[in-house]
Amino acid sequence: MGLVSIEDLLNRCGSVYKLVILSAQRAKAVAEGAKPLVQTSSKKATSIALEEVLHGRVLYKAEPSEEGDTTRGRHTRAKKAHKS
């Protein structure tokens, strides 16, 4: 992965906190054997996860907690656009 500006990553996530949660969860999944969602020469899970965030392949999805608010989040794969 080349140098990626934090501004580009933040534009995808909206906040530093969402970026950290999203990239950490995805990096963990990659480290545990999940296949990368982008072609990359990177070998490190964190670098792969950040590239996936930058390319819009993983998204932050808020989950409702027991009280009904959306304070917890998780990563989810971006849906591919269907060609008609």
PDB file of N, CA and C in Angstrom:
ATOM      1  N   MET A   1       0.855  -1.170   0.000  1.00  0.00           N
ATOM      2  CA  MET A   1       0.000   0.000   0.000  1.00  0.00           C
ATOM      3  C   MET A   1       0.891   1.220   0.000  1.00  0.00           C
ATOM      4  N   GLY A   2       0.593   2.135  -0.876  1.00  0.00           N
ATOM      5  CA  GLY A   2       1.314   3.390  -0.888  1.00  0.00           C
ATOM      6  C   GLY A   2       0.836   4.270   0.252  1.00  0.00           C
ATOM      7  N   LEU A   3       1.331   5.475   0.267  1.00  0.00           N
ATOM      8  CA  LEU A   3       0.890   6.407   1.296  1.00  0.00           C
ATOM      9  C   LEU A   3      -0.559   6.805   1.039  1.00  0.00           C
ATOM     10  N   VAL A   4      -1.384   6.625   2.040  1.00  0.00           N
ATOM     11  CA  VAL A   4      -2.799   6.982   1.950  1.00  0.00           C
ATOM     12  C   VAL A   4      -3.048   8.075   2.967  1.00  0.00           C
ATOM     13  N   SER A   5      -3.660   9.149   2.525  1.00  0.00           N
ATOM     14  CA  SER A   5      -3.898  10.250   3.453  1.00  0.00           C
ATOM     15  C   SER A   5      -5.066   9.912   4.377  1.00  0.00           C
ATOM     16  N   ILE A   6      -4.951  10.359   5.592  1.00  0.00           N
ATOM     17  CA  ILE A   6      -6.005  10.140   6.571  1.00  0.00           C
ATOM     18  C   ILE A   6      -7.298  10.817   6.129  1.00  0.00           C
ATOM     19  N   GLU A   7      -7.182  11.917   5.394  1.00  0.00           N
ATOM     20  CA  GLU A   7      -8.378  12.615   4.912  1.00  0.00           C
ATOM     21  C   GLU A   7      -9.194  11.730   3.976  1.00  0.00           C
ATOM     22  N   ASP A   8      -8.508  10.983   3.098  1.00  0.00           N
ATOM     23  CA  ASP A   8      -9.218  10.091   2.181  1.00  0.00           C
ATOM     24  C   ASP A   8      -9.951   8.989   2.942  1.00  0.00           C
ATOM     25  N   LEU A   9      -9.288   8.444   3.953  1.00  0.00           N
ATOM     26  CA  LEU A   9      -9.915   7.404   4.763  1.00  0.00           C
ATOM     27  C   LEU A   9     -11.085   7.961   5.571  1.00  0.00           C
ATOM     28  N   LEU A  10     -10.920   9.151   6.118  1.00  0.00           N
ATOM     29  CA  LEU A  10     -11.991   9.764   6.906  1.00  0.00           C
ATOM     30  C   LEU A  10     -13.200  10.106   6.048  1.00  0.00           C
ATOM     31  N   ASN A  11     -12.968  10.448   4.784  1.00  0.00           N
ATOM     32  CA  ASN A  11     -14.084  10.717   3.881  1.00  0.00           C
ATOM     33  C   ASN A  11     -14.946   9.473   3.694  1.00  0.00           C
ATOM     34  N   ARG A  12     -14.338   8.308   3.781  1.00  0.00           N
ATOM     35  CA  ARG A  12     -15.071   7.054   3.654  1.00  0.00           C
ATOM     36  C   ARG A  12     -15.852   6.712   4.915  1.00  0.00           C
ATOM     37  N   CYS A  13     -15.268   7.026   6.094  1.00  0.00           N
ATOM     38  CA  CYS A  13     -15.856   6.583   7.363  1.00  0.00           C
ATOM     39  C   CYS A  13     -16.618   7.671   8.097  1.00  0.00           C
ATOM     40  N   GLY A  14     -16.205   8.890   7.970  1.00  0.00           N
ATOM     41  CA  GLY A  14     -16.889   9.983   8.647  1.00  0.00           C
ATOM     42  C   GLY A  14     -16.253  10.425   9.946  1.00  0.00           C
ATOM     43  N   SER A  15     -15.579   9.510  10.657  1.00  0.00           N
ATOM     44  CA  SER A  15     -14.916   9.895  11.898  1.00  0.00           C
ATOM     45  C   SER A  15     -13.727   8.983  12.162  1.00  0.00           C
ATOM     46  N   VAL A  16     -12.819   9.466  12.960  1.00  0.00           N
ATOM     47  CA  VAL A  16     -11.632   8.689  13.321  1.00  0.00           C
ATOM     48  C   VAL A  16     -12.045   7.426  14.068  1.00  0.00           C
ATOM     49  N   TYR A  17     -13.028   7.539  14.930  1.00  0.00           N
ATOM     50  CA  TYR A  17     -13.463   6.409  15.742  1.00  0.00           C
ATOM     51  C   TYR A  17     -14.039   5.291  14.875  1.00  0.00           C
ATOM     52  N   LYS A  18     -14.873   5.650  13.914  1.00  0.00           N
ATOM     53  CA  LYS A  18     -15.415   4.640  13.010  1.00  0.00           C
ATOM     54  C   LYS A  18     -14.306   4.005  12.180  1.00  0.00           C
ATOM     55  N   LEU A  19     -13.350   4.804  11.746  1.00  0.00           N
ATOM     56  CA  LEU A  19     -12.225   4.286  10.963  1.00  0.00           C
ATOM     57  C   LEU A  19     -11.425   3.273  11.772  1.00  0.00           C
ATOM     58  N   VAL A  20     -11.152   3.584  13.022  1.00  0.00           N
ATOM     59  CA  VAL A  20     -10.383   2.674  13.880  1.00  0.00           C
ATOM     60  C   VAL A  20     -11.148   1.375  14.100  1.00  0.00           C
ATOM     61  N   ILE A  21     -12.434   1.464  14.430  1.00  0.00           N
ATOM     62  CA  ILE A  21     -13.239   0.266  14.670  1.00  0.00           C
ATOM     63  C   ILE A  21     -13.319  -0.585  13.409  1.00  0.00           C
ATOM     64  N   LEU A  22     -13.638   0.048  12.302  1.00  0.00           N
ATOM     65  CA  LEU A  22     -13.799  -0.662  11.039  1.00  0.00           C
ATOM     66  C   LEU A  22     -12.507  -1.341  10.611  1.00  0.00           C
ATOM     67  N   SER A  23     -11.406  -0.604  10.620  1.00  0.00           N
ATOM     68  CA  SER A  23     -10.144  -1.175  10.154  1.00  0.00           C
ATOM     69  C   SER A  23      -9.622  -2.242  11.112  1.00  0.00           C
ATOM     70  N   ALA A  24      -9.821  -2.076  12.406  1.00  0.00           N
ATOM     71  CA  ALA A  24      -9.362  -3.079  13.369  1.00  0.00           C
ATOM     72  C   ALA A  24     -10.152  -4.384  13.226  1.00  0.00           C
ATOM     73  N   GLN A  25     -11.465  -4.277  13.085  1.00  0.00           N
ATOM     74  CA  GLN A  25     -12.279  -5.481  12.930  1.00  0.00           C
ATOM     75  C   GLN A  25     -11.951  -6.203  11.635  1.00  0.00           C
ATOM     76  N   ARG A  26     -11.783  -5.454  10.572  1.00  0.00           N
ATOM     77  CA  ARG A  26     -11.475  -6.079   9.281  1.00  0.00           C
ATOM     78  C   ARG A  26     -10.063  -6.669   9.284  1.00  0.00           C
ATOM     79  N   ALA A  27      -9.108  -5.975   9.893  1.00  0.00           N
ATOM     80  CA  ALA A  27      -7.736  -6.485   9.976  1.00  0.00           C
ATOM     81  C   ALA A  27      -7.715  -7.800  10.758  1.00  0.00           C
ATOM     82  N   LYS A  28      -8.500  -7.886  11.802  1.00  0.00           N
ATOM     83  CA  LYS A  28      -8.583  -9.120  12.587  1.00  0.00           C
ATOM     84  C   LYS A  28      -9.127 -10.254  11.721  1.00  0.00           C
ATOM     85  N   ALA A  29     -10.155  -9.964  10.951  1.00  0.00           N
ATOM     86  CA  ALA A  29     -10.735 -10.980  10.072  1.00  0.00           C
ATOM     87  C   ALA A  29      -9.715 -11.448   9.032  1.00  0.00           C
ATOM     88  N   VAL A  30      -8.971 -10.516   8.453  1.00  0.00           N
ATOM     89  CA  VAL A  30      -7.948 -10.864   7.459  1.00  0.00           C
ATOM     90  C   VAL A  30      -6.850 -11.699   8.116  1.00  0.00           C
ATOM     91  N   ALA A  31      -6.435 -11.304   9.305  1.00  0.00           N
ATOM     92  CA  ALA A  31      -5.385 -12.039  10.023  1.00  0.00           C
ATOM     93  C   ALA A  31      -5.832 -13.462  10.357  1.00  0.00           C
ATOM     94  N   GLU A  32      -7.136 -13.652  10.534  1.00  0.00           N
ATOM     95  CA  GLU A  32      -7.675 -14.972  10.854  1.00  0.00           C
ATOM     96  C   GLU A  32      -7.983 -15.792   9.608  1.00  0.00           C
ATOM     97  N   GLY A  33      -7.654 -15.261   8.427  1.00  0.00           N
ATOM     98  CA  GLY A  33      -7.783 -16.049   7.207  1.00  0.00           C
ATOM     99  C   GLY A  33      -8.777 -15.566   6.174  1.00  0.00           C
ATOM    100  N   ALA A  34      -9.502 -14.473   6.432  1.00  0.00           N
ATOM    101  CA  ALA A  34     -10.437 -13.951   5.430  1.00  0.00           C
ATOM    102  C   ALA A  34      -9.662 -13.471   4.207  1.00  0.00           C
ATOM    103  N   LYS A  35     -10.218 -13.702   3.046  1.00  0.00           N
ATOM    104  CA  LYS A  35      -9.547 -13.292   1.817  1.00  0.00           C
ATOM    105  C   LYS A  35      -9.672 -11.783   1.634  1.00  0.00           C
ATOM    106  N   PRO A  36      -8.607 -11.131   1.155  1.00  0.00           N
ATOM    107  CA  PRO A  36      -8.687  -9.689   0.869  1.00  0.00           C
ATOM    108  C   PRO A  36      -9.746  -9.397  -0.186  1.00  0.00           C
ATOM    109  N   LEU A  37     -10.417  -8.273  -0.045  1.00  0.00           N
ATOM    110  CA  LEU A  37     -11.466  -7.869  -0.974  1.00  0.00           C
ATOM    111  C   LEU A  37     -10.939  -6.984  -2.096  1.00  0.00           C
ATOM    112  N   VAL A  38      -9.656  -6.664  -2.050  1.00  0.00           N
ATOM    113  CA  VAL A  38      -9.004  -5.872  -3.098  1.00  0.00           C
ATOM    114  C   VAL A  38      -7.710  -6.567  -3.474  1.00  0.00           C
ATOM    115  N   GLN A  39      -7.264  -6.342  -4.695  1.00  0.00           N
ATOM    116  CA  GLN A  39      -5.953  -6.851  -5.083  1.00  0.00           C
ATOM    117  C   GLN A  39      -4.907  -5.939  -4.477  1.00  0.00           C
ATOM    118  N   THR A  40      -3.935  -6.536  -3.816  1.00  0.00           N
ATOM    119  CA  THR A  40      -2.928  -5.746  -3.129  1.00  0.00           C
ATOM    120  C   THR A  40      -1.620  -6.508  -3.065  1.00  0.00           C
ATOM    121  N   SER A  41      -0.550  -5.767  -2.945  1.00  0.00           N
ATOM    122  CA  SER A  41       0.757  -6.384  -2.736  1.00  0.00           C
ATOM    123  C   SER A  41       1.102  -6.395  -1.252  1.00  0.00           C
ATOM    124  N   SER A  42       0.251  -5.810  -0.433  1.00  0.00           N
ATOM    125  CA  SER A  42       0.478  -5.745   1.007  1.00  0.00           C
ATOM    126  C   SER A  42       0.353  -7.133   1.620  1.00  0.00           C
ATOM    127  N   LYS A  43       1.151  -7.374   2.631  1.00  0.00           N
ATOM    128  CA  LYS A  43       1.104  -8.641   3.355  1.00  0.00           C
ATOM    129  C   LYS A  43       0.512  -8.462   4.753  1.00  0.00           C
ATOM    130  N   LYS A  44       0.529  -7.247   5.268  1.00  0.00           N
ATOM    131  CA  LYS A  44       0.056  -6.989   6.625  1.00  0.00           C
ATOM    132  C   LYS A  44      -1.455  -6.771   6.628  1.00  0.00           C
ATOM    133  N   ALA A  45      -2.102  -7.388   7.616  1.00  0.00           N
ATOM    134  CA  ALA A  45      -3.562  -7.337   7.701  1.00  0.00           C
ATOM    135  C   ALA A  45      -4.085  -5.914   7.840  1.00  0.00           C
ATOM    136  N   THR A  46      -3.391  -5.082   8.615  1.00  0.00           N
ATOM    137  CA  THR A  46      -3.840  -3.704   8.808  1.00  0.00           C
ATOM    138  C   THR A  46      -3.780  -2.918   7.501  1.00  0.00           C
ATOM    139  N   SER A  47      -2.716  -3.097   6.741  1.00  0.00           N
ATOM    140  CA  SER A  47      -2.588  -2.402   5.456  1.00  0.00           C
ATOM    141  C   SER A  47      -3.665  -2.845   4.483  1.00  0.00           C
ATOM    142  N   ILE A  48      -3.947  -4.144   4.465  1.00  0.00           N
ATOM    143  CA  ILE A  48      -5.002  -4.664   3.591  1.00  0.00           C
ATOM    144  C   ILE A  48      -6.349  -4.078   3.992  1.00  0.00           C
ATOM    145  N   ALA A  49      -6.634  -4.053   5.292  1.00  0.00           N
ATOM    146  CA  ALA A  49      -7.906  -3.510   5.775  1.00  0.00           C
ATOM    147  C   ALA A  49      -8.058  -2.043   5.405  1.00  0.00           C
ATOM    148  N   LEU A  50      -7.004  -1.255   5.551  1.00  0.00           N
ATOM    149  CA  LEU A  50      -7.078   0.166   5.202  1.00  0.00           C
ATOM    150  C   LEU A  50      -7.289   0.363   3.707  1.00  0.00           C
ATOM    151  N   GLU A  51      -6.674  -0.479   2.884  1.00  0.00           N
ATOM    152  CA  GLU A  51      -6.904  -0.393   1.440  1.00  0.00           C
ATOM    153  C   GLU A  51      -8.356  -0.722   1.118  1.00  0.00           C
ATOM    154  N   GLU A  52      -8.911  -1.718   1.791  1.00  0.00           N
ATOM    155  CA  GLU A  52     -10.312  -2.082   1.563  1.00  0.00           C
ATOM    156  C   GLU A  52     -11.247  -0.947   1.953  1.00  0.00           C
ATOM    157  N   VAL A  53     -10.955  -0.278   3.051  1.00  0.00           N
ATOM    158  CA  VAL A  53     -11.753   0.883   3.468  1.00  0.00           C
ATOM    159  C   VAL A  53     -11.644   1.980   2.417  1.00  0.00           C
ATOM    160  N   LEU A  54     -10.433   2.255   1.972  1.00  0.00           N
ATOM    161  CA  LEU A  54     -10.211   3.318   0.992  1.00  0.00           C
ATOM    162  C   LEU A  54     -10.962   3.054  -0.309  1.00  0.00           C
ATOM    163  N   HIS A  55     -11.027   1.794  -0.724  1.00  0.00           N
ATOM    164  CA  HIS A  55     -11.704   1.444  -1.973  1.00  0.00           C
ATOM    165  C   HIS A  55     -13.194   1.188  -1.790  1.00  0.00           C
ATOM    166  N   GLY A  56     -13.700   1.390  -0.565  1.00  0.00           N
ATOM    167  CA  GLY A  56     -15.131   1.248  -0.325  1.00  0.00           C
ATOM    168  C   GLY A  56     -15.611  -0.189  -0.304  1.00  0.00           C
ATOM    169  N   ARG A  57     -14.721  -1.140  -0.048  1.00  0.00           N
ATOM    170  CA  ARG A  57     -15.103  -2.547  -0.052  1.00  0.00           C
ATOM    171  C   ARG A  57     -15.663  -3.017   1.282  1.00  0.00           C
ATOM    172  N   VAL A  58     -15.369  -2.315   2.362  1.00  0.00           N
ATOM    173  CA  VAL A  58     -15.971  -2.607   3.665  1.00  0.00           C
ATOM    174  C   VAL A  58     -16.592  -1.329   4.199  1.00  0.00           C
ATOM    175  N   LEU A  59     -17.705  -1.466   4.883  1.00  0.00           N
ATOM    176  CA  LEU A  59     -18.448  -0.314   5.370  1.00  0.00           C
ATOM    177  C   LEU A  59     -18.716  -0.460   6.857  1.00  0.00           C
ATOM    178  N   TYR A  60     -18.919   0.658   7.518  1.00  0.00           N
ATOM    179  CA  TYR A  60     -19.296   0.669   8.930  1.00  0.00           C
ATOM    180  C   TYR A  60     -20.805   0.567   9.006  1.00  0.00           C
ATOM    181  N   LYS A  61     -21.291  -0.376   9.784  1.00  0.00           N
ATOM    182  CA  LYS A  61     -22.733  -0.539   9.957  1.00  0.00           C
ATOM    183  C   LYS A  61     -23.033  -0.506  11.448  1.00  0.00           C
ATOM    184  N   ALA A  62     -23.834   0.451  11.878  1.00  0.00           N
ATOM    185  CA  ALA A  62     -24.196   0.565  13.291  1.00  0.00           C
ATOM    186  C   ALA A  62     -25.188  -0.530  13.653  1.00  0.00           C
ATOM    187  N   GLU A  63     -24.999  -1.099  14.831  1.00  0.00           N
ATOM    188  CA  GLU A  63     -25.912  -2.114  15.343  1.00  0.00           C
ATOM    189  C   GLU A  63     -26.659  -1.553  16.544  1.00  0.00           C
ATOM    190  N   PRO A  64     -27.955  -1.777  16.622  1.00  0.00           N
ATOM    191  CA  PRO A  64     -28.687  -1.307  17.802  1.00  0.00           C
ATOM    192  C   PRO A  64     -28.276  -2.105  19.034  1.00  0.00           C
ATOM    193  N   SER A  65     -28.107  -1.398  20.130  1.00  0.00           N
ATOM    194  CA  SER A  65     -27.802  -2.075  21.385  1.00  0.00           C
ATOM    195  C   SER A  65     -29.104  -2.496  22.049  1.00  0.00           C
ATOM    196  N   GLU A  66     -29.013  -3.023  23.246  1.00  0.00           N
ATOM    197  CA  GLU A  66     -30.210  -3.491  23.946  1.00  0.00           C
ATOM    198  C   GLU A  66     -31.193  -2.358  24.218  1.00  0.00           C
ATOM    199  N   GLU A  67     -30.694  -1.140  24.414  1.00  0.00           N
ATOM    200  CA  GLU A  67     -31.568  -0.003  24.703  1.00  0.00           C
ATOM    201  C   GLU A  67     -32.175   0.597  23.439  1.00  0.00           C
ATOM    202  N   GLY A  68     -31.739   0.130  22.260  1.00  0.00           N
ATOM    203  CA  GLY A  68     -32.306   0.629  21.021  1.00  0.00           C
ATOM    204  C   GLY A  68     -31.498   1.701  20.329  1.00  0.00           C
ATOM    205  N   ASP A  69     -30.422   2.203  20.954  1.00  0.00           N
ATOM    206  CA  ASP A  69     -29.601   3.190  20.262  1.00  0.00           C
ATOM    207  C   ASP A  69     -28.596   2.464  19.371  1.00  0.00           C
ATOM    208  N   THR A  70     -27.870   3.200  18.560  1.00  0.00           N
ATOM    209  CA  THR A  70     -26.920   2.593  17.630  1.00  0.00           C
ATOM    210  C   THR A  70     -25.502   2.981  18.023  1.00  0.00           C
ATOM    211  N   THR A  71     -25.058   2.499  19.175  1.00  0.00           N
ATOM    212  CA  THR A  71     -23.732   2.867  19.661  1.00  0.00           C
ATOM    213  C   THR A  71     -22.667   1.861  19.291  1.00  0.00           C
ATOM    214  N   ARG A  72     -23.055   0.651  18.920  1.00  0.00           N
ATOM    215  CA  ARG A  72     -22.081  -0.359  18.545  1.00  0.00           C
ATOM    216  C   ARG A  72     -22.029  -0.451  17.034  1.00  0.00           C
ATOM    217  N   GLY A  73     -20.883  -0.859  16.524  1.00  0.00           N
ATOM    218  CA  GLY A  73     -20.747  -0.990  15.087  1.00  0.00           C
ATOM    219  C   GLY A  73     -19.978  -2.235  14.710  1.00  0.00           C
ATOM    220  N   ARG A  74     -20.057  -2.581  13.444  1.00  0.00           N
ATOM    221  CA  ARG A  74     -19.296  -3.712  12.926  1.00  0.00           C
ATOM    222  C   ARG A  74     -19.009  -3.442  11.466  1.00  0.00           C
ATOM    223  N   HIS A  75     -18.091  -4.225  10.906  1.00  0.00           N
ATOM    224  CA  HIS A  75     -17.808  -4.039   9.491  1.00  0.00           C
ATOM    225  C   HIS A  75     -18.704  -4.951   8.672  1.00  0.00           C
ATOM    226  N   THR A  76     -18.958  -4.550   7.479  1.00  0.00           N
ATOM    227  CA  THR A  76     -19.758  -5.351   6.564  1.00  0.00           C
ATOM    228  C   THR A  76     -19.194  -5.145   5.162  1.00  0.00           C
ATOM    229  N   ARG A  77     -19.331  -6.129   4.348  1.00  0.00           N
ATOM    230  CA  ARG A  77     -18.834  -6.023   2.980  1.00  0.00           C
ATOM    231  C   ARG A  77     -19.739  -5.114   2.175  1.00  0.00           C
ATOM    232  N   ALA A  78     -19.144  -4.317   1.321  1.00  0.00           N
ATOM    233  CA  ALA A  78     -19.918  -3.464   0.432  1.00  0.00           C
ATOM    234  C   ALA A  78     -20.540  -4.344  -0.641  1.00  0.00           C
ATOM    235  N   LYS A  79     -21.764  -4.046  -1.011  1.00  0.00           N
ATOM    236  CA  LYS A  79     -22.432  -4.802  -2.055  1.00  0.00           C
ATOM    237  C   LYS A  79     -21.903  -4.381  -3.412  1.00  0.00           C
ATOM    238  N   LYS A  80     -21.705  -5.349  -4.273  1.00  0.00           N
ATOM    239  CA  LYS A  80     -21.253  -5.046  -5.627  1.00  0.00           C
ATOM    240  C   LYS A  80     -22.429  -4.514  -6.433  1.00  0.00           C
ATOM    241  N   ALA A  81     -22.141  -3.543  -7.285  1.00  0.00           N
ATOM    242  CA  ALA A  81     -23.169  -3.002  -8.160  1.00  0.00           C
ATOM    243  C   ALA A  81     -23.491  -4.024  -9.231  1.00  0.00           C
ATOM    244  N   HIS A  82     -24.771  -4.268  -9.445  1.00  0.00           N
ATOM    245  CA  HIS A  82     -25.191  -5.222 -10.466  1.00  0.00           C
ATOM    246  C   HIS A  82     -25.296  -4.517 -11.800  1.00  0.00           C
ATOM    247  N   LYS A  83     -24.741  -5.154 -12.820  1.00  0.00           N
ATOM    248  CA  LYS A  83     -24.850  -4.601 -14.168  1.00  0.00           C
ATOM    249  C   LYS A  83     -26.107  -5.137 -14.813  1.00  0.00           C
ATOM    250  N   SER A  84     -26.859  -4.246 -15.456  1.00  0.00           N
ATOM    251  CA  SER A  84     -28.076  -4.708 -16.111  1.00  0.00           C
ATOM    252  C   SER A  84     -27.911  -4.754 -17.595  1.00  0.00           C
TER     253      SER A  84
END
